[in-house]
Amino acid sequence: MEDFNGKVAFITGGGSGVALGQAKVFGKAGCRVVIADIRDDHLAHGLKELRAQGTECHGIRLDITDREAYARAADETERVFGPAQLLFNTAGVSLFGPLEKSSYDDYDWQMNVNFGGVVNGVQTFVPRMIAHGQGGHIVNTASLGAFLSSNFAGIYCASKFAVLGLSEALRQALEKYNIGVSVLCPANVKTNIAESIKTRPEKYSHSGYEYDEETIESLARIYSQGMEPVELAQHVLDAVKRNQLYIIPYPESRAPLQAHFEAVIAALPPEDSDPEGVAKRNAAMLRYRDEVAAQQRKRERS
């Protein structure tokens, strides 16, 4: 996608942080921007910032885990600006602590927001984007943690692994509709995600972690040294223009990622170690793909 002028962008978590950076950059590029956020104060702040730079924008209060509300948000977007060509599944939460002490609520909250929210965005907007036939682009925000997991961020990383896997598959599925897909995998960003605990619903209130203002302040000090959201969003804009799948604009991540993938490759046996097994398994997969394709063509004709 080269021309953003007049395009409609729907951005979750758009009142602050990474998402507001995206709203600002794509707004300056000519998009009409809808920001959705669960917090009214963030929504008001985001709209003020966008209007100050001259971006045509609209705000919707949205809990991205609420599927019916998501559908209403899409309807409202179309009433105000028309069909969306750009979808940014950016909103997310984080909660860190020893994985072995995690509660079901710790899992449910992070998975429902970080992965479930992306699923809801995709399920809500993709059928509409296909029906409108205007093409478009989807940017799902994962994390460097989608590749490199750790104990204290285990659930967060699991949710982002899921976003990465969905994004890779979705890119294949939507190519024929002229809808591109990118997955943003940031490391440290200057955001207030440490405060996401304040939006944790009561139904997920039981936690296995100790979390207080001191914890939030410690995380905030780390994030204060992160990449500016507008700078990160400029990388996203450039990637969308190139229809680039992975967006990881952190040079310090090269060495750990290389070590990670080298360890994965090292776990594989030599290519010539099982020629008969390889041939048999490859032939079975090719037959399966041909059968699925034939079944699909049959369904389309009927």
Protein backbone atom coordinates (compact mmCIF):
# COMPACT_ATOMS: atom_id res chain seq x y z
CA MET A 1 0.00 0.00 0.00
CA GLU A 2 1.59 3.24 -1.17
CA ASP A 3 -1.20 5.80 -0.94
CA PHE A 4 -2.77 6.37 2.49
CA ASN A 5 -4.70 9.51 1.63
CA GLY A 6 -8.34 9.07 2.63
CA LYS A 7 -7.82 5.52 3.86
CA VAL A 8 -9.68 4.57 7.05
CA ALA A 9 -7.56 3.14 9.86
CA PHE A 10 -9.01 1.42 12.94
CA ILE A 11 -6.50 1.26 15.82
CA THR A 12 -7.04 -0.49 19.16
CA GLY A 13 -5.43 0.95 22.27
CA GLY A 14 -5.24 4.18 20.29
CA GLY A 15 -5.38 6.54 23.25
CA SER A 16 -1.75 6.09 24.23
CA GLY A 17 1.58 4.40 23.63
CA VAL A 18 2.39 2.36 20.54
CA ALA A 19 -1.13 2.70 19.16
CA LEU A 20 -1.26 6.48 19.51
CA GLY A 21 2.09 6.64 17.74
CA GLN A 22 0.55 4.67 14.89
CA ALA A 23 -2.48 6.96 14.84
CA LYS A 24 -0.25 10.03 14.61
CA VAL A 25 2.00 8.69 11.86
CA PHE A 26 -0.75 7.23 9.70
CA GLY A 27 -2.88 10.30 10.33
CA LYS A 28 -0.10 12.50 9.01
CA ALA A 29 0.16 10.18 6.01
CA GLY A 30 -3.45 11.05 5.16
CA CYS A 31 -5.55 8.42 6.93
CA ARG A 32 -8.82 9.10 8.65
CA VAL A 33 -8.26 7.49 12.01
CA VAL A 34 -10.57 5.72 14.44
CA ILE A 35 -8.97 5.07 17.80
CA ALA A 36 -10.54 2.58 20.20
CA ASP A 37 -9.54 2.41 23.85
CA ILE A 38 -10.92 0.96 27.07
CA ARG A 39 -10.03 4.06 29.10
CA ASP A 40 -12.01 7.26 28.58
CA ASP A 41 -9.15 9.48 29.77
CA HIS A 42 -6.75 7.90 27.28
CA LEU A 43 -9.32 8.21 24.52
CA ALA A 44 -9.81 11.92 25.21
CA HIS A 45 -6.04 12.48 25.32
CA GLY A 46 -5.49 10.63 22.05
CA LEU A 47 -8.21 12.54 20.20
CA LYS A 48 -6.80 15.84 21.46
CA GLU A 49 -3.31 14.95 20.22
CA LEU A 50 -4.58 13.84 16.83
CA ARG A 51 -6.78 16.86 16.29
CA ALA A 52 -3.89 19.13 17.23
CA GLN A 53 -1.88 17.76 14.31
CA GLY A 54 -4.85 18.11 11.95
CA THR A 55 -5.82 14.45 11.68
CA GLU A 56 -9.44 13.65 10.93
CA CYS A 57 -10.29 11.27 13.76
CA HIS A 58 -13.00 9.60 15.80
CA GLY A 59 -12.91 7.82 19.15
CA ILE A 60 -14.76 4.74 20.37
CA ARG A 61 -14.65 3.31 23.88
CA LEU A 62 -14.04 -0.41 23.42
CA ASP A 63 -13.17 -3.47 25.44
CA ILE A 64 -11.51 -5.59 22.76
CA THR A 65 -12.56 -8.81 24.53
CA ASP A 66 -16.24 -7.91 23.99
CA ARG A 67 -17.19 -9.31 20.58
CA GLU A 68 -20.59 -7.66 20.36
CA ALA A 69 -19.07 -4.30 21.25
CA TYR A 70 -16.41 -4.86 18.61
CA ALA A 71 -19.08 -5.39 15.96
CA ARG A 72 -20.79 -2.18 17.05
CA ALA A 73 -17.45 -0.36 16.83
CA ALA A 74 -16.99 -1.57 13.25
CA ASP A 75 -20.52 -0.41 12.38
CA GLU A 76 -19.80 2.98 13.92
CA THR A 77 -16.55 3.27 11.99
CA GLU A 78 -18.37 2.65 8.73
CA ARG A 79 -21.10 5.17 9.60
CA VAL A 80 -18.56 7.88 10.41
CA PHE A 81 -15.81 7.31 7.84
CA GLY A 82 -16.77 4.34 5.66
CA PRO A 83 -15.12 0.91 5.35
CA ALA A 84 -11.74 0.42 7.03
CA GLN A 85 -8.78 -0.46 4.82
CA LEU A 86 -6.28 -0.56 7.69
CA LEU A 87 -6.64 -2.53 10.92
CA PHE A 88 -4.15 -2.17 13.76
CA ASN A 89 -4.59 -4.78 16.49
CA THR A 90 -2.33 -2.98 18.92
CA ALA A 91 -3.94 -2.95 22.37
CA GLY A 92 -2.35 -5.27 24.89
CA VAL A 93 -1.57 -5.83 28.55
CA SER A 94 1.38 -7.19 30.46
CA LEU A 95 1.82 -8.80 33.82
CA PHE A 96 5.13 -10.28 34.92
CA GLY A 97 5.98 -12.74 37.65
CA PRO A 98 7.30 -16.26 38.33
CA LEU A 99 5.51 -18.55 35.90
CA GLU A 100 5.10 -21.35 38.45
CA LYS A 101 3.09 -18.98 40.66
CA SER A 102 0.65 -17.97 37.93
CA SER A 103 -3.08 -18.28 38.49
CA TYR A 104 -5.75 -19.18 35.96
CA ASP A 105 -6.82 -15.53 36.07
CA ASP A 106 -3.29 -14.42 35.15
CA TYR A 107 -3.49 -16.65 32.09
CA ASP A 108 -7.07 -15.78 31.16
CA TRP A 109 -6.64 -12.03 31.36
CA GLN A 110 -3.49 -11.82 29.26
CA MET A 111 -4.54 -14.42 26.70
CA ASN A 112 -8.02 -12.94 26.31
CA VAL A 113 -6.66 -9.43 25.71
CA ASN A 114 -3.38 -10.02 23.89
CA PHE A 115 -4.48 -12.90 21.67
CA GLY A 116 -8.26 -12.87 21.98
CA GLY A 117 -8.35 -9.15 21.20
CA VAL A 118 -6.44 -9.76 17.96
CA VAL A 119 -8.77 -12.64 17.08
CA ASN A 120 -11.78 -10.39 17.66
CA GLY A 121 -10.31 -7.67 15.49
CA VAL A 122 -9.61 -10.12 12.69
CA GLN A 123 -13.00 -11.83 12.94
CA THR A 124 -14.81 -8.50 12.99
CA PHE A 125 -13.00 -6.65 10.22
CA VAL A 126 -11.60 -9.22 7.79
CA PRO A 127 -14.99 -10.35 6.40
CA ARG A 128 -15.91 -6.70 5.93
CA MET A 129 -12.60 -5.93 4.20
CA ILE A 130 -13.08 -8.88 1.85
CA ALA A 131 -16.70 -7.91 1.12
CA HIS A 132 -15.79 -4.30 0.36
CA GLY A 133 -13.15 -5.46 -2.11
CA GLN A 134 -10.83 -2.50 -1.55
CA GLY A 135 -7.82 -4.47 -0.33
CA GLY A 136 -6.02 -3.23 2.74
CA HIS A 137 -3.49 -4.09 5.39
CA ILE A 138 -3.53 -5.53 8.90
CA VAL A 139 -0.84 -4.88 11.51
CA ASN A 140 -0.90 -7.16 14.55
CA THR A 141 1.28 -6.18 17.47
CA ALA A 142 3.16 -9.09 18.99
CA SER A 143 6.51 -8.60 20.72
CA LEU A 144 10.13 -9.63 20.56
CA GLY A 145 8.83 -12.00 23.23
CA ALA A 146 7.05 -13.84 20.42
CA PHE A 147 10.47 -15.28 19.59
CA LEU A 148 12.35 -15.09 22.90
CA SER A 149 10.45 -16.27 25.96
CA SER A 150 11.36 -15.95 29.63
CA ASN A 151 10.12 -17.13 33.00
CA PHE A 152 8.81 -13.82 34.34
CA ALA A 153 7.05 -13.01 31.06
CA GLY A 154 5.89 -16.54 30.27
CA ILE A 155 2.17 -15.88 29.81
CA TYR A 156 2.79 -12.60 27.97
CA CYS A 157 5.20 -14.37 25.62
CA ALA A 158 2.76 -17.23 25.05
CA SER A 159 0.08 -14.74 24.02
CA LYS A 160 2.49 -13.04 21.64
CA PHE A 161 3.67 -16.37 20.19
CA ALA A 162 0.01 -16.93 19.32
CA VAL A 163 -0.27 -13.52 17.65
CA LEU A 164 2.83 -14.26 15.60
CA GLY A 165 1.53 -17.63 14.44
CA LEU A 166 -1.88 -16.24 13.53
CA SER A 167 -0.29 -13.35 11.62
CA GLU A 168 1.92 -15.64 9.54
CA ALA A 169 -1.06 -17.82 8.61
CA LEU A 170 -3.35 -14.84 8.00
CA ARG A 171 -0.86 -13.36 5.56
CA GLN A 172 -1.11 -16.50 3.43
CA ALA A 173 -4.90 -16.57 3.66
CA LEU A 174 -5.51 -12.94 2.71
CA GLU A 175 -2.98 -12.45 -0.07
CA LYS A 176 -5.55 -13.38 -2.71
CA TYR A 177 -7.80 -10.57 -1.47
CA ASN A 178 -5.03 -7.97 -1.78
CA ILE A 179 -4.92 -7.63 2.00
CA GLY A 180 -1.43 -7.53 3.44
CA VAL A 181 -0.49 -8.61 6.96
CA SER A 182 2.41 -7.48 9.11
CA VAL A 183 3.37 -8.47 12.63
CA LEU A 184 5.06 -5.86 14.78
CA CYS A 185 7.54 -7.34 17.27
CA PRO A 186 8.86 -4.48 19.39
CA ALA A 187 11.37 -4.70 22.21
CA ASN A 188 11.42 -1.81 24.66
CA VAL A 189 9.03 1.03 23.80
CA LYS A 190 8.37 4.22 25.72
CA THR A 191 4.79 3.46 26.81
CA ASN A 192 2.60 3.20 29.89
CA ILE A 193 1.90 -0.52 29.45
CA ALA A 194 3.12 -1.04 33.03
CA GLU A 195 -0.16 0.58 34.11
CA SER A 196 -2.27 -1.94 32.20
CA ILE A 197 -2.86 -3.74 35.50
CA LYS A 198 -5.25 -0.90 36.31
CA THR A 199 -7.61 -2.09 33.56
CA ARG A 200 -7.69 -5.68 34.81
CA PRO A 201 -11.34 -6.69 35.30
CA GLU A 202 -12.60 -7.90 38.64
CA LYS A 203 -13.44 -11.31 37.15
CA TYR A 204 -9.69 -11.85 36.65
CA SER A 205 -8.69 -10.43 40.01
CA HIS A 206 -7.00 -13.48 41.53
CA SER A 207 -3.29 -13.30 40.76
CA GLY A 208 -0.32 -15.39 41.75
CA TYR A 209 1.96 -12.36 41.57
CA GLU A 210 2.79 -9.53 43.91
CA TYR A 211 2.01 -6.34 42.01
CA ASP A 212 1.96 -2.86 43.53
CA GLU A 213 2.87 0.75 42.75
CA GLU A 214 6.56 0.02 43.36
CA THR A 215 6.43 -2.72 40.72
CA ILE A 216 4.74 -0.38 38.27
CA GLU A 217 7.32 2.33 38.91
CA SER A 218 10.20 -0.10 38.32
CA LEU A 219 8.75 -1.17 34.99
CA ALA A 220 8.03 2.43 34.05
CA ARG A 221 11.71 3.29 34.51
CA ILE A 222 12.65 0.58 32.03
CA TYR A 223 10.05 1.65 29.49
CA SER A 224 11.08 5.29 29.82
CA GLN A 225 14.26 4.41 27.93
CA GLY A 226 12.45 2.65 25.10
CA MET A 227 11.93 3.68 21.51
CA GLU A 228 9.51 6.57 21.02
CA PRO A 229 6.12 5.33 19.77
CA VAL A 230 6.13 7.72 16.81
CA GLU A 231 9.56 6.45 15.75
CA LEU A 232 8.32 2.87 15.99
CA ALA A 233 5.20 3.78 14.01
CA GLN A 234 7.33 5.25 11.23
CA HIS A 235 8.95 1.84 10.86
CA VAL A 236 5.44 0.37 10.67
CA LEU A 237 4.44 2.82 7.94
CA ASP A 238 7.52 1.91 5.91
CA ALA A 239 6.80 -1.80 6.38
CA VAL A 240 3.18 -1.45 5.26
CA LYS A 241 4.36 0.33 2.13
CA ARG A 242 6.62 -2.64 1.36
CA ASN A 243 4.07 -5.24 2.50
CA GLN A 244 6.70 -6.54 4.91
CA LEU A 245 5.69 -9.38 7.23
CA TYR A 246 8.04 -8.91 10.19
CA ILE A 247 8.67 -5.51 11.77
CA ILE A 248 11.54 -5.67 14.29
CA PRO A 249 13.43 -2.34 14.18
CA TYR A 250 15.82 -3.13 17.04
CA PRO A 251 19.44 -3.82 16.03
CA GLU A 252 20.25 -5.10 19.54
CA SER A 253 17.85 -7.99 18.90
CA ARG A 254 19.91 -9.45 16.06
CA ALA A 255 22.34 -11.45 18.22
CA PRO A 256 19.77 -13.10 20.53
CA LEU A 257 17.46 -13.90 17.61
CA GLN A 258 20.33 -15.39 15.64
CA ALA A 259 21.35 -17.53 18.62
CA HIS A 260 17.74 -18.63 19.07
CA PHE A 261 17.26 -19.76 15.49
CA GLU A 262 20.67 -21.37 15.32
CA ALA A 263 19.67 -23.47 18.35
CA VAL A 264 16.48 -24.48 16.55
CA ILE A 265 18.36 -25.47 13.39
CA ALA A 266 20.96 -27.32 15.44
CA ALA A 267 18.21 -29.56 16.83
CA LEU A 268 17.46 -30.90 13.34
CA PRO A 269 19.12 -34.04 11.96
CA PRO A 270 21.20 -33.81 8.77
CA GLU A 271 19.14 -33.36 5.61
CA ASP A 272 20.30 -36.67 4.14
CA SER A 273 19.72 -38.74 7.29
CA ASP A 274 16.32 -40.21 6.35
CA PRO A 275 15.69 -39.98 2.58
CA GLU A 276 12.95 -42.63 2.50
CA GLY A 277 11.04 -41.09 5.40
CA VAL A 278 11.35 -37.61 3.93
CA ALA A 279 10.06 -38.76 0.54
CA LYS A 280 7.10 -40.59 2.12
CA ARG A 281 6.10 -37.68 4.35
CA ASN A 282 6.48 -35.11 1.57
CA ALA A 283 4.37 -37.19 -0.81
CA ALA A 284 1.64 -37.55 1.80
CA MET A 285 1.56 -33.80 2.39
CA LEU A 286 1.40 -33.05 -1.33
CA ARG A 287 -1.51 -35.47 -1.75
CA TYR A 288 -3.32 -33.85 1.15
CA ARG A 289 -2.85 -30.36 -0.31
CA ASP A 290 -4.14 -31.52 -3.71
CA GLU A 291 -7.17 -33.16 -2.08
CA VAL A 292 -7.98 -30.05 -0.05
CA ALA A 293 -7.66 -27.85 -3.15
CA ALA A 294 -9.95 -30.17 -5.12
CA GLN A 295 -12.50 -30.21 -2.29
CA GLN A 296 -12.46 -26.44 -2.13
CA ARG A 297 -12.99 -26.10 -5.89
CA LYS A 298 -15.91 -28.53 -5.64
CA ARG A 299 -17.52 -26.49 -2.84
CA GLU A 300 -17.12 -23.28 -4.84
CA ARG A 301 -18.85 -24.83 -7.88
CA SER A 302 -21.79 -26.17 -5.87
